[in-house]
Amino acid sequence: MIINSSSLMLQIPRMARSFFLKGILIFIGWKLLYLLWLMPKGILDTPLTHLVGSATVATLNLSGGGHFTGVQGVETQQLDGGKETGSVVDVYYNGQNTLRIANACNGLELMVLYAAFLFCYPGRPARRWGFLAAGIGLILLMNILRCALLVWIFLRYRAYLDFSHHFAFTLLIYGVIFLLWWRYTRRAAV
């Protein structure tokens, strides 16, 4: 049996084709914009990393458990094809470095992923923009709390730090993003 690719495409519902086409275009456009212009100049990463670091320090100091400070800096990492330089914030507790928040930890990629889904899925613009603002705000807040809790785990339960960082918090944040998407799709076209 010979399958014609054009007849196969016609079997995929129009809404699904539109969703995936928009997703591919947004992904390619974002990666080109980010890798060629935004990342090298630190346009989004630097202020976001500093915001997450400062808010993490403020959150920890509100807990009253000691004296936390944040030190902003620049880190150069050796990657496969060369070097990458980016902003970092080191969180200190009474002079001890407890956490390094780098650009990869600032939540930007999660925010873009969340927003891309909203723009790929049909819905009223007012609803989309409302979900966009609320979702990005929630992702930012969760990332700040995640960083603060990682410091707390580092200071009290260090054996659980890697599990918390790589699995528990990742699952929690992706779960919340999935729930936001689910909530958005429930009545997006209404």
Protein backbone atom coordinates (compact mmCIF):
# COMPACT_ATOMS: atom_id res chain seq x y z
CA MET A 1 0.00 0.00 0.00
CA ILE A 2 1.40 3.36 -1.02
CA ILE A 3 0.68 6.25 1.31
CA ASN A 4 0.61 9.69 -0.23
CA SER A 5 2.02 12.32 2.16
CA SER A 6 -0.55 14.92 1.06
CA SER A 7 -3.44 12.53 1.82
CA LEU A 8 -1.84 11.76 5.18
CA MET A 9 -1.72 15.49 5.99
CA LEU A 10 -5.41 15.81 5.12
CA GLN A 11 -6.25 13.13 7.68
CA ILE A 12 -4.78 15.25 10.49
CA PRO A 13 -7.45 17.64 11.82
CA ARG A 14 -7.01 21.24 10.67
CA MET A 15 -6.72 22.54 14.25
CA ALA A 16 -3.91 20.05 15.03
CA ARG A 17 -2.05 20.97 11.83
CA SER A 18 -2.37 24.66 12.68
CA PHE A 19 -1.19 24.05 16.27
CA PHE A 20 1.93 22.14 15.20
CA LEU A 21 2.78 24.53 12.36
CA LYS A 22 2.53 27.53 14.69
CA GLY A 23 4.58 25.64 17.28
CA ILE A 24 7.36 24.87 14.81
CA LEU A 25 7.44 28.47 13.55
CA ILE A 26 7.49 29.90 17.09
CA PHE A 27 10.24 27.46 18.11
CA ILE A 28 12.45 28.30 15.12
CA GLY A 29 11.78 32.04 15.45
CA TRP A 30 12.47 32.02 19.19
CA LYS A 31 15.69 30.01 18.90
CA LEU A 32 17.02 32.27 16.12
CA LEU A 33 16.11 35.44 18.02
CA TYR A 34 17.44 34.11 21.33
CA LEU A 35 20.68 32.50 20.15
CA LEU A 36 21.67 35.20 17.67
CA TRP A 37 20.64 38.35 19.49
CA LEU A 38 19.05 38.09 22.95
CA MET A 39 21.43 35.62 24.64
CA PRO A 40 24.73 37.15 23.47
CA LYS A 41 23.61 40.59 24.65
CA GLY A 42 21.97 39.29 27.86
CA ILE A 43 18.86 41.33 27.07
CA LEU A 44 16.41 39.04 28.85
CA ASP A 45 18.65 36.70 30.83
CA THR A 46 20.66 39.25 32.81
CA PRO A 47 17.74 41.21 34.30
CA LEU A 48 15.71 38.03 34.88
CA THR A 49 18.60 36.23 36.61
CA HIS A 50 19.22 39.29 38.79
CA LEU A 51 15.51 39.55 39.61
CA VAL A 52 15.29 35.88 40.61
CA GLY A 53 18.48 36.18 42.67
CA SER A 54 17.42 39.38 44.44
CA ALA A 55 13.92 38.07 45.13
CA THR A 56 15.36 34.78 46.43
CA VAL A 57 17.61 36.66 48.86
CA ALA A 58 14.70 38.87 49.96
CA THR A 59 12.48 35.81 50.48
CA LEU A 60 15.15 34.09 52.56
CA ASN A 61 15.75 37.21 54.66
CA LEU A 62 12.00 37.48 55.31
CA SER A 63 12.15 34.01 56.82
CA GLY A 64 14.37 35.42 59.56
CA GLY A 65 16.78 32.50 59.51
CA GLY A 66 20.02 34.43 59.23
CA HIS A 67 21.70 36.93 56.99
CA PHE A 68 21.45 36.18 53.27
CA THR A 69 23.17 38.21 50.57
CA GLY A 70 23.30 37.99 46.82
CA VAL A 71 26.41 38.67 44.78
CA GLN A 72 25.94 39.29 41.07
CA GLY A 73 28.62 38.16 38.69
CA VAL A 74 29.46 36.70 35.33
CA GLU A 75 30.27 33.07 34.63
CA THR A 76 31.95 31.57 31.58
CA GLN A 77 31.18 27.93 30.89
CA GLN A 78 32.95 25.66 28.42
CA LEU A 79 30.40 24.12 26.07
CA ASP A 80 30.69 21.72 23.13
CA GLY A 81 31.25 24.34 20.50
CA GLY A 82 32.94 27.04 22.57
CA LYS A 83 32.33 29.21 25.59
CA GLU A 84 29.15 30.76 26.93
CA THR A 85 29.23 33.75 29.24
CA GLY A 86 26.23 34.63 31.35
CA SER A 87 25.01 36.32 34.48
CA VAL A 88 24.94 34.56 37.83
CA VAL A 89 23.81 35.43 41.32
CA ASP A 90 25.50 33.63 44.19
CA VAL A 91 23.38 33.41 47.34
CA TYR A 92 25.41 33.55 50.54
CA TYR A 93 24.29 32.64 54.05
CA ASN A 94 26.48 34.21 56.73
CA GLY A 95 29.37 34.25 54.25
CA GLN A 96 28.87 30.68 52.93
CA ASN A 97 27.94 30.24 49.26
CA THR A 98 24.73 28.18 49.23
CA LEU A 99 23.37 28.52 45.70
CA ARG A 100 24.36 29.79 42.26
CA ILE A 101 21.52 31.03 40.10
CA ALA A 102 22.67 31.09 36.48
CA ASN A 103 20.85 32.11 33.32
CA ALA A 104 19.83 28.48 32.76
CA CYS A 105 18.00 28.61 36.13
CA ASN A 106 16.08 31.86 35.68
CA GLY A 107 12.93 30.24 34.22
CA LEU A 108 13.03 32.05 30.87
CA GLU A 109 12.75 28.87 28.78
CA LEU A 110 9.74 27.74 30.84
CA MET A 111 8.05 31.10 30.34
CA VAL A 112 8.64 30.94 26.58
CA LEU A 113 7.37 27.35 26.42
CA TYR A 114 4.25 28.31 28.37
CA ALA A 115 3.60 31.38 26.19
CA ALA A 116 4.22 29.50 22.94
CA PHE A 117 1.52 26.97 23.80
CA LEU A 118 -0.97 29.78 24.47
CA PHE A 119 -0.22 31.37 21.09
CA CYS A 120 -0.48 28.06 19.25
CA TYR A 121 -3.86 27.17 20.74
CA PRO A 122 -6.93 29.08 19.52
CA GLY A 123 -8.74 31.35 21.91
CA ARG A 124 -9.93 34.86 22.61
CA PRO A 125 -7.09 37.40 22.82
CA ALA A 126 -8.24 38.78 26.20
CA ARG A 127 -8.27 35.30 27.72
CA ARG A 128 -4.88 34.48 26.17
CA TRP A 129 -3.25 37.65 27.51
CA GLY A 130 -4.79 37.10 30.95
CA PHE A 131 -3.46 33.54 31.10
CA LEU A 132 -0.11 34.74 29.77
CA ALA A 133 0.33 37.37 32.49
CA ALA A 134 -0.92 35.12 35.30
CA GLY A 135 1.09 32.11 34.13
CA ILE A 136 4.37 33.94 33.69
CA GLY A 137 3.89 35.61 37.07
CA LEU A 138 3.23 32.23 38.66
CA ILE A 139 6.25 30.62 36.96
CA LEU A 140 8.45 33.48 38.20
CA LEU A 141 7.07 33.20 41.76
CA MET A 142 7.49 29.42 41.78
CA ASN A 143 11.08 29.75 40.55
CA ILE A 144 11.91 32.23 43.33
CA LEU A 145 10.37 29.91 45.93
CA ARG A 146 12.21 26.97 44.36
CA CYS A 147 15.54 28.75 44.71
CA ALA A 148 14.78 29.74 48.31
CA LEU A 149 13.80 26.17 49.15
CA LEU A 150 16.96 24.84 47.49
CA VAL A 151 19.00 27.06 49.84
CA TRP A 152 16.97 25.78 52.80
CA ILE A 153 17.51 22.17 51.71
CA PHE A 154 21.23 22.87 51.19
CA LEU A 155 21.52 24.17 54.75
CA ARG A 156 19.42 21.51 56.49
CA TYR A 157 19.04 18.39 54.32
CA ARG A 158 21.95 18.47 51.89
CA ALA A 159 21.54 14.80 50.98
CA TYR A 160 18.23 15.66 49.27
CA LEU A 161 19.57 18.62 47.28
CA ASP A 162 20.22 16.88 43.95
CA PHE A 163 16.90 15.01 44.03
CA SER A 164 15.02 18.20 44.89
CA HIS A 165 16.77 20.26 42.23
CA HIS A 166 16.64 17.77 39.37
CA PHE A 167 13.41 15.89 40.02
CA ALA A 168 11.00 17.16 42.70
CA PHE A 169 10.93 20.83 41.76
CA THR A 170 11.08 20.10 38.03
CA LEU A 171 8.07 17.81 38.30
CA LEU A 172 6.19 20.34 40.42
CA ILE A 173 6.78 23.28 38.07
CA TYR A 174 5.98 21.30 34.91
CA GLY A 175 2.87 19.95 36.64
CA VAL A 176 1.64 23.47 37.38
CA ILE A 177 2.36 24.56 33.80
CA PHE A 178 0.43 21.57 32.50
CA LEU A 179 -2.51 22.43 34.77
CA LEU A 180 -2.49 26.02 33.51
CA TRP A 181 -2.51 24.78 29.90
CA TRP A 182 -5.32 22.34 30.70
CA ARG A 183 -7.34 25.13 32.33
CA TYR A 184 -6.74 27.38 29.33
CA THR A 185 -7.85 24.76 26.81
CA ARG A 186 -11.02 23.93 28.70
CA ARG A 187 -12.73 27.13 27.63
CA ALA A 188 -10.29 28.81 25.25
CA ALA A 189 -12.68 29.00 22.32
CA VAL A 190 -15.66 30.17 24.40
